[in-house]
C-alpha atoms as a PDB file:
ATOM      1  CA  MET A   1     197.754  11.740 -53.507  1.00  0.00           C
ATOM      2  CA  SER A   2     196.008   8.633 -54.808  1.00  0.00           C
ATOM      3  CA  LYS A   3     194.251   6.119 -52.573  1.00  0.00           C
ATOM      4  CA  LYS A   4     196.901   3.560 -53.467  1.00  0.00           C
ATOM      5  CA  GLU A   5     199.737   5.881 -52.362  1.00  0.00           C
ATOM      6  CA  THR A   6     197.897   6.777 -49.154  1.00  0.00           C
ATOM      7  CA  LYS A   7     197.340   3.106 -48.358  1.00  0.00           C
ATOM      8  CA  LYS A   8     201.014   2.326 -49.008  1.00  0.00           C
ATOM      9  CA  GLN A   9     202.098   5.151 -46.688  1.00  0.00           C
ATOM     10  CA  THR A  10     199.751   3.842 -43.995  1.00  0.00           C
ATOM     11  CA  VAL A  11     201.093   0.302 -44.370  1.00  0.00           C
ATOM     12  CA  ASP A  12     204.696   1.581 -44.319  1.00  0.00           C
ATOM     13  CA  MET A  13     204.051   3.631 -41.169  1.00  0.00           C
ATOM     14  CA  ARG A  14     202.349   0.716 -39.409  1.00  0.00           C
ATOM     15  CA  GLN A  15     205.319  -1.514 -40.280  1.00  0.00           C
ATOM     16  CA  ARG A  16     207.694   1.124 -38.946  1.00  0.00           C
ATOM     17  CA  ILE A  17     205.694   1.308 -35.710  1.00  0.00           C
ATOM     18  CA  MET A  18     205.539  -2.490 -35.364  1.00  0.00           C
ATOM     19  CA  HIS A  19     209.283  -2.788 -35.999  1.00  0.00           C
ATOM     20  CA  ALA A  20     210.018  -0.203 -33.286  1.00  0.00           C
ATOM     21  CA  ALA A  21     207.548  -1.860 -30.900  1.00  0.00           C
ATOM     22  CA  SER A  22     208.984  -5.346 -31.538  1.00  0.00           C
ATOM     23  CA  SER A  23     212.497  -4.124 -30.868  1.00  0.00           C
ATOM     24  CA  LEU A  24     211.484  -2.419 -27.621  1.00  0.00           C
ATOM     25  CA  MET A  25     209.382  -5.362 -26.463  1.00  0.00           C
ATOM     26  CA  MET A  26     212.316  -7.682 -27.043  1.00  0.00           C
ATOM     27  CA  ASP A  27     214.599  -5.426 -25.002  1.00  0.00           C
ATOM     28  CA  LYS A  28     212.259  -4.231 -22.259  1.00  0.00           C
ATOM     29  CA  GLY A  29     209.373  -6.693 -22.301  1.00  0.00           C
ATOM     30  CA  ILE A  30     205.786  -6.108 -23.351  1.00  0.00           C
ATOM     31  CA  LYS A  31     204.505  -4.609 -20.114  1.00  0.00           C
ATOM     32  CA  GLU A  32     207.425  -2.203 -19.729  1.00  0.00           C
ATOM     33  CA  THR A  33     207.111  -0.836 -23.272  1.00  0.00           C
ATOM     34  CA  SER A  34     204.943   2.271 -23.463  1.00  0.00           C
ATOM     35  CA  LEU A  35     203.312   3.952 -26.436  1.00  0.00           C
ATOM     36  CA  LYS A  36     205.556   6.959 -25.762  1.00  0.00           C
ATOM     37  CA  ASP A  37     208.618   4.681 -26.015  1.00  0.00           C
ATOM     38  CA  ILE A  38     207.334   3.238 -29.284  1.00  0.00           C
ATOM     39  CA  ALA A  39     206.694   6.675 -30.803  1.00  0.00           C
ATOM     40  CA  ARG A  40     210.176   7.846 -29.801  1.00  0.00           C
ATOM     41  CA  LYS A  41     211.842   4.693 -31.195  1.00  0.00           C
ATOM     42  CA  ALA A  42     209.859   5.002 -34.465  1.00  0.00           C
ATOM     43  CA  GLY A  43     210.849   8.676 -34.744  1.00  0.00           C
ATOM     44  CA  ILE A  44     207.263   9.893 -34.877  1.00  0.00           C
ATOM     45  CA  SER A  45     205.006  12.020 -32.724  1.00  0.00           C
ATOM     46  CA  ALA A  46     202.584  10.507 -30.215  1.00  0.00           C
ATOM     47  CA  GLY A  47     199.739  11.888 -32.350  1.00  0.00           C
ATOM     48  CA  THR A  48     200.979  10.015 -35.415  1.00  0.00           C
ATOM     49  CA  LEU A  49     201.232   6.839 -33.380  1.00  0.00           C
ATOM     50  CA  TYR A  50     197.692   7.270 -32.005  1.00  0.00           C
ATOM     51  CA  TYR A  51     196.414   7.876 -35.532  1.00  0.00           C
ATOM     52  CA  HIS A  52     197.616   4.409 -36.524  1.00  0.00           C
ATOM     53  CA  TYR A  53     197.247   2.611 -33.178  1.00  0.00           C
ATOM     54  CA  SER A  54     195.005   3.828 -30.391  1.00  0.00           C
ATOM     55  CA  ALA A  55     196.294   1.253 -27.884  1.00  0.00           C
ATOM     56  CA  LYS A  56     199.414  -0.813 -27.276  1.00  0.00           C
ATOM     57  CA  GLU A  57     197.243  -3.930 -27.416  1.00  0.00           C
ATOM     58  CA  ASP A  58     196.417  -3.148 -31.063  1.00  0.00           C
ATOM     59  CA  ILE A  59     200.131  -3.066 -31.892  1.00  0.00           C
ATOM     60  CA  ILE A  60     200.647  -6.347 -30.030  1.00  0.00           C
ATOM     61  CA  TYR A  61     197.823  -7.972 -32.022  1.00  0.00           C
ATOM     62  CA  ASP A  62     199.373  -6.883 -35.311  1.00  0.00           C
ATOM     63  CA  ILE A  63     202.849  -8.023 -34.252  1.00  0.00           C
ATOM     64  CA  ALA A  64     201.452 -11.366 -33.106  1.00  0.00           C
ATOM     65  CA  ASP A  65     199.481 -11.761 -36.310  1.00  0.00           C
ATOM     66  CA  ILE A  66     202.509 -11.079 -38.504  1.00  0.00           C
ATOM     67  CA  ASN A  67     204.684 -13.337 -36.341  1.00  0.00           C
ATOM     68  CA  LEU A  68     202.161 -16.168 -36.489  1.00  0.00           C
ATOM     69  CA  GLN A  69     201.546 -15.626 -40.199  1.00  0.00           C
ATOM     70  CA  GLN A  70     205.278 -15.843 -40.990  1.00  0.00           C
ATOM     71  CA  ILE A  71     205.536 -19.177 -39.204  1.00  0.00           C
ATOM     72  CA  THR A  72     202.391 -20.449 -40.944  1.00  0.00           C
ATOM     73  CA  GLU A  73     203.621 -19.335 -44.370  1.00  0.00           C
ATOM     74  CA  GLY A  74     206.944 -21.046 -43.718  1.00  0.00           C
ATOM     75  CA  LEU A  75     205.169 -24.304 -42.930  1.00  0.00           C
ATOM     76  CA  LEU A  76     202.910 -24.014 -45.984  1.00  0.00           C
ATOM     77  CA  ASN A  77     205.880 -23.257 -48.230  1.00  0.00           C
ATOM     78  CA  TRP A  78     207.665 -26.288 -46.806  1.00  0.00           C
ATOM     79  CA  ILE A  79     204.649 -28.491 -47.591  1.00  0.00           C
ATOM     80  CA  ASP A  80     204.399 -27.178 -51.159  1.00  0.00           C
ATOM     81  CA  HIS A  81     208.035 -28.032 -51.870  1.00  0.00           C
ATOM     82  CA  ILE A  82     208.549 -31.202 -49.891  1.00  0.00           C
ATOM     83  CA  ASP A  83     209.615 -34.287 -51.789  1.00  0.00           C
ATOM     84  CA  ALA A  84     207.596 -37.449 -51.217  1.00  0.00           C
ATOM     85  CA  GLY A  85     210.844 -39.355 -50.643  1.00  0.00           C
ATOM     86  CA  THR A  86     211.995 -37.094 -47.817  1.00  0.00           C
ATOM     87  CA  SER A  87     212.826 -39.014 -44.657  1.00  0.00           C
ATOM     88  CA  ARG A  88     211.045 -38.412 -41.347  1.00  0.00           C
ATOM     89  CA  GLU A  89     214.338 -37.253 -39.865  1.00  0.00           C
ATOM     90  CA  GLN A  90     214.834 -34.629 -42.565  1.00  0.00           C
ATOM     91  CA  ILE A  91     211.231 -33.425 -42.236  1.00  0.00           C
ATOM     92  CA  LEU A  92     211.546 -32.836 -38.498  1.00  0.00           C
ATOM     93  CA  LYS A  93     215.003 -31.318 -38.801  1.00  0.00           C
ATOM     94  CA  THR A  94     213.804 -28.878 -41.449  1.00  0.00           C
ATOM     95  CA  VAL A  95     210.763 -27.800 -39.419  1.00  0.00           C
ATOM     96  CA  PHE A  96     212.812 -27.294 -36.251  1.00  0.00           C
ATOM     97  CA  GLU A  97     215.600 -25.427 -38.022  1.00  0.00           C
ATOM     98  CA  LYS A  98     213.252 -23.097 -39.894  1.00  0.00           C
ATOM     99  CA  ILE A  99     211.433 -22.008 -36.781  1.00  0.00           C
ATOM    100  CA  LEU A 100     214.455 -21.859 -34.474  1.00  0.00           C
ATOM    101  CA  ALA A 101     216.586 -19.987 -37.028  1.00  0.00           C
ATOM    102  CA  ALA A 102     214.618 -16.789 -36.499  1.00  0.00           C
ATOM    103  CA  GLU A 103     215.834 -16.175 -32.945  1.00  0.00           C
ATOM    104  CA  THR A 104     214.178 -12.750 -32.623  1.00  0.00           C
ATOM    105  CA  ARG A 105     210.866 -14.091 -33.879  1.00  0.00           C
ATOM    106  CA  GLY A 106     211.169 -17.007 -31.474  1.00  0.00           C
ATOM    107  CA  LYS A 107     211.791 -14.729 -28.497  1.00  0.00           C
ATOM    108  CA  LEU A 108     208.924 -12.453 -29.459  1.00  0.00           C
ATOM    109  CA  HIS A 109     206.733 -15.520 -29.949  1.00  0.00           C
ATOM    110  CA  LEU A 110     207.541 -16.609 -26.407  1.00  0.00           C
ATOM    111  CA  TYR A 111     206.833 -13.151 -24.978  1.00  0.00           C
ATOM    112  CA  LEU A 112     203.514 -13.068 -26.779  1.00  0.00           C
ATOM    113  CA  ILE A 113     202.600 -16.563 -25.583  1.00  0.00           C
ATOM    114  CA  SER A 114     203.382 -15.472 -22.032  1.00  0.00           C
ATOM    115  CA  ASP A 115     201.160 -12.417 -22.374  1.00  0.00           C
ATOM    116  CA  ALA A 116     198.398 -14.497 -23.967  1.00  0.00           C
ATOM    117  CA  VAL A 117     198.491 -17.090 -21.197  1.00  0.00           C
ATOM    118  CA  THR A 118     198.683 -14.679 -18.282  1.00  0.00           C
ATOM    119  CA  ALA A 119     196.520 -11.716 -19.159  1.00  0.00           C
ATOM    120  CA  ASN A 120     195.398 -11.254 -22.720  1.00  0.00           C
ATOM    121  CA  GLY A 121     192.274 -13.198 -23.704  1.00  0.00           C
ATOM    122  CA  ALA A 122     192.095 -11.833 -27.250  1.00  0.00           C
ATOM    123  CA  LEU A 123     195.717 -12.730 -27.899  1.00  0.00           C
ATOM    124  CA  LYS A 124     195.105 -16.182 -26.411  1.00  0.00           C
ATOM    125  CA  ARG A 125     192.272 -16.732 -28.916  1.00  0.00           C
ATOM    126  CA  LYS A 126     194.609 -15.743 -31.774  1.00  0.00           C
ATOM    127  CA  PHE A 127     197.233 -18.225 -30.587  1.00  0.00           C
ATOM    128  CA  THR A 128     194.614 -20.944 -30.133  1.00  0.00           C
ATOM    129  CA  GLU A 129     193.438 -20.432 -33.722  1.00  0.00           C
ATOM    130  CA  ARG A 130     196.963 -20.334 -35.144  1.00  0.00           C
ATOM    131  CA  TYR A 131     198.156 -23.394 -33.226  1.00  0.00           C
ATOM    132  CA  ALA A 132     195.187 -25.333 -34.609  1.00  0.00           C
ATOM    133  CA  GLU A 133     196.090 -24.056 -38.080  1.00  0.00           C
ATOM    134  CA  TRP A 134     199.775 -25.014 -37.638  1.00  0.00           C
ATOM    135  CA  ARG A 135     198.837 -28.462 -36.404  1.00  0.00           C
ATOM    136  CA  LYS A 136     196.541 -29.046 -39.401  1.00  0.00           C
ATOM    137  CA  THR A 137     199.247 -27.746 -41.735  1.00  0.00           C
ATOM    138  CA  LEU A 138     201.803 -30.083 -40.190  1.00  0.00           C
ATOM    139  CA  VAL A 139     199.401 -33.032 -40.450  1.00  0.00           C
ATOM    140  CA  LEU A 140     198.854 -32.253 -44.157  1.00  0.00           C
ATOM    141  CA  GLY A 141     202.599 -32.151 -44.760  1.00  0.00           C
ATOM    142  CA  LEU A 142     203.263 -35.265 -42.720  1.00  0.00           C
ATOM    143  CA  ASN A 143     200.456 -37.140 -44.510  1.00  0.00           C
ATOM    144  CA  LYS A 144     201.986 -36.117 -47.830  1.00  0.00           C
ATOM    145  CA  VAL A 145     205.331 -37.729 -47.094  1.00  0.00           C
ATOM    146  CA  LEU A 146     204.589 -40.227 -44.326  1.00  0.00           C
ATOM    147  CA  LYS A 147     201.552 -41.990 -45.756  1.00  0.00           C
ATOM    148  CA  THR A 148     202.236 -45.226 -43.900  1.00  0.00           C
ATOM    149  CA  TYR A 149     202.194 -43.314 -40.593  1.00  0.00           C
ATOM    150  CA  ALA A 150     198.961 -41.370 -41.266  1.00  0.00           C
ATOM    151  CA  GLU A 151     197.295 -42.530 -38.041  1.00  0.00           C
ATOM    152  CA  ALA A 152     200.208 -41.249 -35.954  1.00  0.00           C
ATOM    153  CA  ASN A 153     200.719 -37.981 -37.849  1.00  0.00           C
ATOM    154  CA  ASP A 154     198.126 -36.073 -35.819  1.00  0.00           C
ATOM    155  CA  SER A 155     199.939 -36.960 -32.599  1.00  0.00           C
ATOM    156  CA  LEU A 156     203.297 -36.248 -34.214  1.00  0.00           C
ATOM    157  CA  ALA A 157     202.075 -32.743 -35.158  1.00  0.00           C
ATOM    158  CA  TYR A 158     201.224 -32.055 -31.490  1.00  0.00           C
ATOM    159  CA  LEU A 159     204.644 -33.347 -30.470  1.00  0.00           C
ATOM    160  CA  ILE A 160     206.405 -31.171 -33.039  1.00  0.00           C
ATOM    161  CA  LEU A 161     204.630 -28.007 -31.861  1.00  0.00           C
ATOM    162  CA  ALA A 162     205.307 -28.761 -28.196  1.00  0.00           C
ATOM    163  CA  THR A 163     208.934 -29.531 -28.970  1.00  0.00           C
ATOM    164  CA  ILE A 164     209.350 -26.289 -30.921  1.00  0.00           C
ATOM    165  CA  ASP A 165     207.980 -24.218 -28.048  1.00  0.00           C
ATOM    166  CA  GLY A 166     210.267 -26.038 -25.641  1.00  0.00           C
ATOM    167  CA  LEU A 167     213.271 -25.563 -27.906  1.00  0.00           C
ATOM    168  CA  ILE A 168     212.542 -21.832 -28.181  1.00  0.00           C
ATOM    169  CA  ILE A 169     212.661 -21.644 -24.387  1.00  0.00           C
ATOM    170  CA  GLN A 170     215.883 -23.685 -24.283  1.00  0.00           C
ATOM    171  CA  GLN A 171     217.411 -21.456 -26.939  1.00  0.00           C
ATOM    172  CA  MET A 172     216.639 -18.363 -24.857  1.00  0.00           C
ATOM    173  CA  PHE A 173     218.175 -19.703 -21.645  1.00  0.00           C
ATOM    174  CA  SER A 174     221.151 -21.652 -22.896  1.00  0.00           C
ATOM    175  CA  ASN A 175     224.398 -20.698 -24.518  1.00  0.00           C
ATOM    176  CA  GLU A 176     224.789 -24.226 -25.819  1.00  0.00           C
ATOM    177  CA  GLU A 177     223.830 -25.226 -29.327  1.00  0.00           C
ATOM    178  CA  ILE A 178     220.637 -27.267 -29.413  1.00  0.00           C
ATOM    179  CA  PRO A 179     221.376 -30.829 -30.627  1.00  0.00           C
ATOM    180  CA  ILE A 180     218.603 -30.859 -33.230  1.00  0.00           C
ATOM    181  CA  ASP A 181     219.922 -33.955 -35.007  1.00  0.00           C
ATOM    182  CA  SER A 182     219.892 -35.990 -31.785  1.00  0.00           C
ATOM    183  CA  ILE A 183     216.442 -34.738 -30.805  1.00  0.00           C
ATOM    184  CA  VAL A 184     215.064 -35.604 -34.230  1.00  0.00           C
ATOM    185  CA  LYS A 185     216.542 -39.111 -34.093  1.00  0.00           C
ATOM    186  CA  LEU A 186     215.085 -39.650 -30.641  1.00  0.00           C
ATOM    187  CA  ILE A 187     211.607 -38.564 -31.765  1.00  0.00           C
ATOM    188  CA  VAL A 188     211.712 -40.618 -34.961  1.00  0.00           C
ATOM    189  CA  ASN A 189     213.017 -43.752 -33.260  1.00  0.00           C
ATOM    190  CA  SER A 190     210.406 -43.572 -30.518  1.00  0.00           C
ATOM    191  CA  SER A 191     207.472 -43.215 -32.914  1.00  0.00           C
END
């Protein structure tokens, strides 16, 4: 077997493990999910799991990294394709909808934030780095389309991130549809 094929098999197996772990963590929570549970859900032996991940924390780091990277890539893609004539309302609505649309990713994001805040220093550092990256990415995008508001765009980026986290929480605990249009109008009219 070539090195390329071996690497692909390793990547495929790690993705399979992360998918199983994500599913279990969403259902049972991070703390209640064991490596044995993950191996069983992935349909592999404990030895195979340990070959790829020696600790649950390593799986959590990879899941968090992929989760955070997907959100970051979504923001960067949005910036690359945004039209300079796009209104502030449409910008905020698009950002909120993109992130809130992935309900599973949002829930996992919240679980990971909780773990990072309460017990996991390494995960907290990852989130700190990614939040700074998201904020800078948002500022770049906002500066691209809201040039006359450049001084306020840094603060608006903080507000957007805080609002997104809050909306993820609201989405988890409410059966009601989040009134994104109204929230966006309120933010835009108050800035």
